[in-house]
N, C-alpha and C. Protein backbone atom coordinates (compact mmCIF):
# COMPACT_ATOMS: atom_id res chain seq x y z
N MET A 1 -26.93 -0.92 16.81
CA MET A 1 -26.66 -1.79 15.78
C MET A 1 -26.63 -3.49 16.29
N ARG A 2 -27.07 -4.00 15.63
CA ARG A 2 -26.61 -5.35 15.65
C ARG A 2 -25.68 -5.94 14.86
N GLU A 3 -24.82 -6.56 14.73
CA GLU A 3 -23.77 -7.10 14.06
C GLU A 3 -24.39 -7.57 12.43
N LYS A 4 -25.67 -8.32 12.60
CA LYS A 4 -25.85 -8.89 11.00
C LYS A 4 -26.89 -6.73 10.66
N ASP A 5 -27.44 -6.13 11.33
CA ASP A 5 -27.00 -4.81 10.30
C ASP A 5 -26.05 -4.25 9.95
N PHE A 6 -25.07 -4.31 11.08
CA PHE A 6 -23.95 -3.92 10.40
C PHE A 6 -22.78 -4.45 9.05
N LEU A 7 -23.22 -5.47 9.35
CA LEU A 7 -22.83 -6.03 8.45
C LEU A 7 -23.38 -5.85 6.62
N ARG A 8 -24.95 -5.74 6.84
CA ARG A 8 -25.77 -5.48 5.82
C ARG A 8 -25.19 -4.23 5.32
N LEU A 9 -25.33 -3.06 5.95
CA LEU A 9 -24.74 -1.86 5.45
C LEU A 9 -23.49 -1.73 4.68
N TYR A 10 -22.98 -2.59 5.62
CA TYR A 10 -21.60 -2.65 4.88
C TYR A 10 -21.42 -3.50 3.55
N VAL A 11 -21.87 -4.02 3.19
CA VAL A 11 -22.71 -5.04 2.02
C VAL A 11 -22.63 -3.91 0.91
N ASP A 12 -23.68 -2.99 1.67
CA ASP A 12 -24.61 -1.93 1.15
C ASP A 12 -23.83 -0.87 0.52
N LEU A 13 -22.95 -0.37 1.71
CA LEU A 13 -21.95 0.82 1.36
C LEU A 13 -20.67 0.29 0.57
N TYR A 14 -20.21 -0.99 0.00
CA TYR A 14 -19.61 -1.33 -0.72
C TYR A 14 -20.03 -1.37 -1.70
N ARG A 15 -21.37 -1.91 -2.04
CA ARG A 15 -21.89 -1.97 -3.36
C ARG A 15 -22.08 -0.53 -4.29
N GLU A 16 -22.46 0.68 -3.31
CA GLU A 16 -22.75 1.63 -3.58
C GLU A 16 -21.61 2.76 -4.37
N LYS A 17 -20.40 2.28 -4.05
CA LYS A 17 -18.88 2.14 -4.57
C LYS A 17 -18.28 1.11 -5.39
N GLY A 18 -19.29 1.27 -6.47
CA GLY A 18 -19.31 0.39 -7.63
C GLY A 18 -17.98 -1.39 -7.02
N GLU A 19 -17.64 -2.11 -6.16
CA GLU A 19 -17.28 -2.64 -5.82
C GLU A 19 -17.85 -3.83 -5.60
N LYS A 20 -17.63 -5.36 -5.77
CA LYS A 20 -18.44 -6.84 -5.64
C LYS A 20 -18.50 -7.06 -4.24
N ILE A 21 -19.08 -7.19 -3.94
CA ILE A 21 -18.58 -8.23 -1.71
C ILE A 21 -19.73 -8.91 -2.61
N ALA A 22 -19.52 -10.66 -2.36
CA ALA A 22 -21.19 -11.09 -2.63
C ALA A 22 -21.85 -11.65 -1.67
N SER A 23 -21.79 -11.42 0.31
CA SER A 23 -22.82 -11.55 0.89
C SER A 23 -22.28 -10.48 2.54
N ALA A 24 -23.21 -11.13 2.45
CA ALA A 24 -22.67 -10.00 4.61
C ALA A 24 -22.34 -11.44 4.95
N LYS A 25 -21.81 -12.78 4.30
CA LYS A 25 -20.62 -14.08 4.91
C LYS A 25 -19.63 -12.96 4.29
N VAL A 26 -19.61 -12.89 3.27
CA VAL A 26 -17.85 -12.40 3.17
C VAL A 26 -17.84 -11.34 3.67
N ALA A 27 -18.41 -10.61 4.07
CA ALA A 27 -18.08 -9.15 4.28
C ALA A 27 -17.97 -9.58 6.13
N LYS A 28 -18.80 -10.42 6.95
CA LYS A 28 -18.09 -11.04 7.66
C LYS A 28 -17.10 -11.59 7.97
N GLN A 29 -16.36 -12.39 6.58
CA GLN A 29 -15.12 -12.82 7.04
C GLN A 29 -13.64 -11.81 6.81
N LYS A 30 -14.67 -10.68 6.02
CA LYS A 30 -13.19 -9.54 6.04
C LYS A 30 -13.18 -8.73 7.46
N ILE A 31 -14.47 -8.76 7.65
CA ILE A 31 -14.39 -7.52 9.15
C ILE A 31 -13.93 -8.54 10.77
N ASP A 32 -14.01 -9.70 10.13
CA ASP A 32 -13.14 -10.36 11.55
C ASP A 32 -11.77 -10.87 11.38
N SER A 33 -11.36 -10.63 9.74
CA SER A 33 -10.14 -11.16 9.63
C SER A 33 -9.25 -8.93 10.42
N ILE A 34 -10.10 -8.21 9.93
CA ILE A 34 -9.09 -6.77 10.53
C ILE A 34 -9.38 -7.21 11.75
N TRP A 35 -10.15 -7.42 12.64
CA TRP A 35 -10.60 -8.06 14.22
C TRP A 35 -9.46 -8.74 14.43
N GLU A 36 -8.99 -9.93 13.89
CA GLU A 36 -7.83 -10.57 14.63
C GLU A 36 -6.38 -10.02 14.28
N THR A 37 -6.14 -9.68 13.09
CA THR A 37 -5.58 -8.60 13.08
C THR A 37 -4.63 -7.60 13.79
N LEU A 38 -6.23 -7.08 14.04
CA LEU A 38 -5.66 -5.77 15.44
C LEU A 38 -5.41 -5.92 16.36
N ILE A 39 -6.13 -7.62 16.94
CA ILE A 39 -6.00 -8.37 18.39
C ILE A 39 -4.75 -8.62 18.51
N GLU A 40 -3.98 -8.97 17.40
CA GLU A 40 -3.29 -9.72 17.70
C GLU A 40 -1.54 -8.73 17.84
N SER A 41 -1.62 -7.24 16.41
CA SER A 41 -1.00 -6.49 16.43
C SER A 41 -0.34 -5.64 18.05
N LEU A 42 -1.82 -5.77 19.02
CA LEU A 42 -1.81 -4.99 20.08
C LEU A 42 -1.54 -5.82 21.11
N LEU A 43 -1.56 -7.38 21.20
CA LEU A 43 -0.51 -8.72 21.64
C LEU A 43 0.99 -8.44 21.69
N LYS A 44 1.45 -8.26 20.35
CA LYS A 44 2.92 -7.73 20.08
C LYS A 44 3.35 -6.54 20.39
N GLU A 45 2.79 -5.58 20.12
CA GLU A 45 3.30 -4.11 20.22
C GLU A 45 2.50 -3.04 21.59
N LYS A 46 1.00 -3.21 21.51
CA LYS A 46 0.84 -2.99 22.56
C LYS A 46 -0.07 -1.42 22.12
N LYS A 47 0.06 -0.98 21.22
CA LYS A 47 -1.02 0.16 20.75
C LYS A 47 -0.42 0.16 19.21
N VAL A 48 -1.69 0.09 18.84
CA VAL A 48 -2.30 0.49 17.09
C VAL A 48 -2.52 1.65 17.05
N ILE A 49 -1.50 2.45 15.85
CA ILE A 49 -2.18 4.08 16.15
C ILE A 49 -2.59 3.98 14.61
N PHE A 50 -4.06 5.06 14.09
CA PHE A 50 -4.49 5.05 12.93
C PHE A 50 -4.79 6.57 12.32
N LYS A 51 -3.44 7.02 11.57
CA LYS A 51 -3.58 8.37 11.29
C LYS A 51 -4.56 9.16 10.75
N GLY A 52 -5.39 9.83 12.02
CA GLY A 52 -6.19 10.29 11.59
C GLY A 52 -7.68 9.72 12.75
N ILE A 53 -7.83 8.55 12.92
CA ILE A 53 -8.87 7.92 12.84
C ILE A 53 -8.84 7.53 14.30
N GLY A 54 -8.39 7.29 15.10
CA GLY A 54 -6.92 6.75 16.61
C GLY A 54 -6.70 6.12 16.66
N LYS A 55 -6.03 6.04 18.05
CA LYS A 55 -5.53 5.04 18.57
C LYS A 55 -6.09 3.38 19.38
N PHE A 56 -5.55 2.65 19.22
CA PHE A 56 -6.07 1.53 20.19
C PHE A 56 -5.09 1.26 21.07
N GLU A 57 -4.97 0.94 22.54
CA GLU A 57 -4.03 0.99 23.20
C GLU A 57 -4.40 -0.47 23.89
N LEU A 58 -3.71 -1.30 24.33
CA LEU A 58 -3.87 -2.60 25.34
C LEU A 58 -3.24 -2.43 26.51
N ARG A 59 -4.06 -1.82 27.64
CA ARG A 59 -3.83 -1.81 29.40
C ARG A 59 -4.01 -2.96 29.87
N GLU A 60 -3.52 -2.87 31.39
CA GLU A 60 -4.00 -3.75 32.51
C GLU A 60 -4.35 -2.94 33.33
N THR A 61 -5.31 -3.57 33.80
CA THR A 61 -6.29 -3.00 35.09
C THR A 61 -5.51 -3.89 35.88
N ASN A 62 -5.66 -3.00 37.45
CA ASN A 62 -5.08 -3.11 38.38
C ASN A 62 -6.12 -3.95 39.14
N PRO A 63 -5.49 -5.30 39.77
CA PRO A 63 -6.36 -6.09 41.41
C PRO A 63 -6.85 -4.89 41.17
N ARG A 64 -8.31 -5.48 42.31
CA ARG A 64 -8.35 -4.79 43.67
C ARG A 64 -9.62 -5.56 44.26
N ARG A 65 -10.16 -5.12 45.70
CA ARG A 65 -10.87 -5.62 46.51
C ARG A 65 -12.13 -5.04 46.37
N VAL A 66 -13.37 -5.66 46.46
CA VAL A 66 -14.57 -5.29 46.76
C VAL A 66 -14.83 -5.98 47.62
N VAL A 67 -16.61 -5.75 48.18
CA VAL A 67 -17.20 -5.94 49.24
C VAL A 67 -18.20 -6.10 48.38
N LEU A 68 -18.94 -7.76 48.22
CA LEU A 68 -20.35 -7.89 47.81
C LEU A 68 -20.94 -8.47 49.03
N PRO A 69 -22.25 -7.78 49.10
CA PRO A 69 -23.43 -7.89 50.14
C PRO A 69 -24.36 -8.65 49.37
N PHE A 70 -24.87 -9.61 50.22
CA PHE A 70 -26.15 -10.20 49.72
C PHE A 70 -26.49 -10.80 51.08
N LYS A 71 -27.63 -11.70 51.09
CA LYS A 71 -28.38 -11.95 51.72
C LYS A 71 -28.79 -13.07 52.50
N LYS A 72 -29.30 -14.46 53.01
CA LYS A 72 -29.06 -15.54 52.98
C LYS A 72 -30.95 -14.86 52.97
N LYS A 73 -31.43 -16.40 52.70
CA LYS A 73 -32.93 -16.92 52.72
C LYS A 73 -33.90 -16.33 53.94
N GLY A 74 -34.55 -16.12 54.48
CA GLY A 74 -35.33 -16.04 55.37
C GLY A 74 -33.94 -14.57 56.55
N GLU A 75 -33.18 -14.48 56.01
CA GLU A 75 -32.11 -13.46 56.94
C GLU A 75 -32.71 -11.83 56.44
N SER A 76 -33.34 -10.71 57.39
CA SER A 76 -32.92 -9.07 57.34
C SER A 76 -31.98 -9.04 56.93
N SER A 77 -30.72 -8.84 57.16
CA SER A 77 -29.71 -8.31 57.60
C SER A 77 -28.45 -9.22 56.09
N TYR A 78 -27.66 -8.13 55.92
CA TYR A 78 -26.91 -8.86 55.13
C TYR A 78 -25.61 -9.08 54.79
N ILE A 79 -25.10 -9.67 53.64
CA ILE A 79 -24.09 -10.71 54.47
C ILE A 79 -22.72 -9.55 54.08
N LEU A 80 -21.54 -9.99 54.52
CA LEU A 80 -20.86 -9.02 53.46
C LEU A 80 -19.79 -10.01 53.16
N GLU A 81 -19.14 -10.01 51.72
CA GLU A 81 -18.49 -10.86 51.33
C GLU A 81 -17.33 -9.88 50.10
N LYS A 82 -15.97 -9.98 50.92
CA LYS A 82 -15.25 -10.17 50.49
C LYS A 82 -14.08 -10.58 49.87
N LYS A 83 -14.20 -9.92 48.17
CA LYS A 83 -13.56 -10.40 47.07
C LYS A 83 -12.72 -10.09 46.70
N MET A 84 -11.49 -10.34 46.06
CA MET A 84 -10.05 -9.87 44.72
C MET A 84 -10.44 -10.24 44.05
N ILE A 85 -10.56 -9.01 43.11
CA ILE A 85 -11.36 -9.32 41.22
C ILE A 85 -9.71 -9.06 41.18
N PRO A 86 -9.13 -10.18 40.10
CA PRO A 86 -7.89 -10.18 39.51
C PRO A 86 -7.47 -8.81 38.16
N SER A 87 -6.47 -8.44 37.88
CA SER A 87 -5.33 -8.05 36.38
C SER A 87 -6.65 -8.57 35.93
N LYS A 88 -7.09 -7.77 34.61
CA LYS A 88 -7.27 -8.43 33.47
C LYS A 88 -7.07 -7.94 32.50
N LYS A 89 -6.24 -7.34 30.89
CA LYS A 89 -6.27 -6.80 29.79
C LYS A 89 -7.37 -6.09 29.31
N ILE A 90 -7.75 -4.75 29.04
CA ILE A 90 -8.19 -4.00 28.38
C ILE A 90 -8.36 -3.13 27.36
N ILE A 91 -9.05 -3.59 26.25
CA ILE A 91 -8.34 -2.40 24.91
C ILE A 91 -8.86 -0.88 25.42
N LYS A 92 -8.13 0.44 25.29
CA LYS A 92 -8.82 1.64 25.18
C LYS A 92 -8.68 1.63 23.44
N PHE A 93 -9.76 3.24 22.97
CA PHE A 93 -9.57 3.35 21.97
C PHE A 93 -10.17 4.98 22.08
N ALA A 94 -8.96 5.82 21.85
CA ALA A 94 -8.90 7.31 21.60
C ALA A 94 -9.09 7.96 20.04
N ALA A 95 -10.38 8.55 20.37
CA ALA A 95 -10.54 8.94 18.42
C ALA A 95 -9.60 10.54 18.18
N GLY A 96 -9.38 9.97 16.70
CA GLY A 96 -8.24 10.80 15.77
C GLY A 96 -9.52 11.79 16.07
N ASP A 97 -9.00 13.55 15.70
CA ASP A 97 -9.74 14.31 15.22
C ASP A 97 -10.02 14.04 14.21
N ASP A 98 -9.92 14.01 12.81
CA ASP A 98 -9.86 13.70 11.61
C ASP A 98 -11.11 13.22 11.90
N LEU A 99 -11.66 12.13 12.59
CA LEU A 99 -12.36 11.34 12.80
C LEU A 99 -13.87 11.40 13.66
N LYS A 100 -13.68 12.85 14.60
CA LYS A 100 -13.94 13.32 15.29
C LYS A 100 -15.26 14.07 14.43
N LYS A 101 -14.34 14.92 13.59
CA LYS A 101 -14.26 16.06 12.71
C LYS A 101 -15.45 15.60 11.72
N LEU A 102 -15.33 14.09 10.93
CA LEU A 102 -16.07 13.65 10.20
C LEU A 102 -17.35 13.42 10.80
N LEU A 103 -17.28 12.66 12.03
CA LEU A 103 -18.91 12.40 12.61
C LEU A 103 -19.88 14.08 13.28
N ASN A 104 -18.80 14.63 13.14
CA ASN A 104 -20.01 15.98 13.54
C ASN A 104 -20.18 16.35 12.33
N GLU A 105 -19.89 16.50 11.07
CA GLU A 105 -19.88 16.49 9.99
C GLU A 105 -21.07 16.50 9.44
N LYS A 106 -21.03 15.12 9.04
CA LYS A 106 -22.27 13.90 9.38
C LYS A 106 -23.68 14.19 10.13
N GLU A 107 -23.28 14.41 11.25
CA GLU A 107 -24.61 15.04 12.27
C GLU A 107 -24.54 16.15 12.05
N CYS A 108 -23.92 17.11 11.07
CA CYS A 108 -25.25 18.49 11.49
C CYS A 108 -25.79 18.19 10.06
N GLU A 109 -25.84 17.42 8.84
CA GLU A 109 -25.96 16.87 7.51
C GLU A 109 -27.64 16.08 8.00
N ARG A 110 -27.70 15.66 9.28
CA ARG A 110 -28.82 15.19 9.42
C ARG A 110 -29.65 15.59 10.15
């Protein structure tokens, strides 16, 4: 699902509940503000837990060495280039029990 489809679904679900939402543009602003808040919280606290939904955690990967094989034009053998990949920050998400249960119930209904 692409962002455009997600926003359309968000607007439709919002309207089904009887609440007013002007457009997909307004929906995008709301969702973007949620993501901004989540990222700021992760940078401050390293972990954000939504009871029943799951846990977002900011982690840092270790730097690592890799070997990149490549061929030069006209040569038949590979040249190996050793390179260091620096550490970086990643976000891990672990789904909570309530979310897993909800997804499984919705899947069974289909």
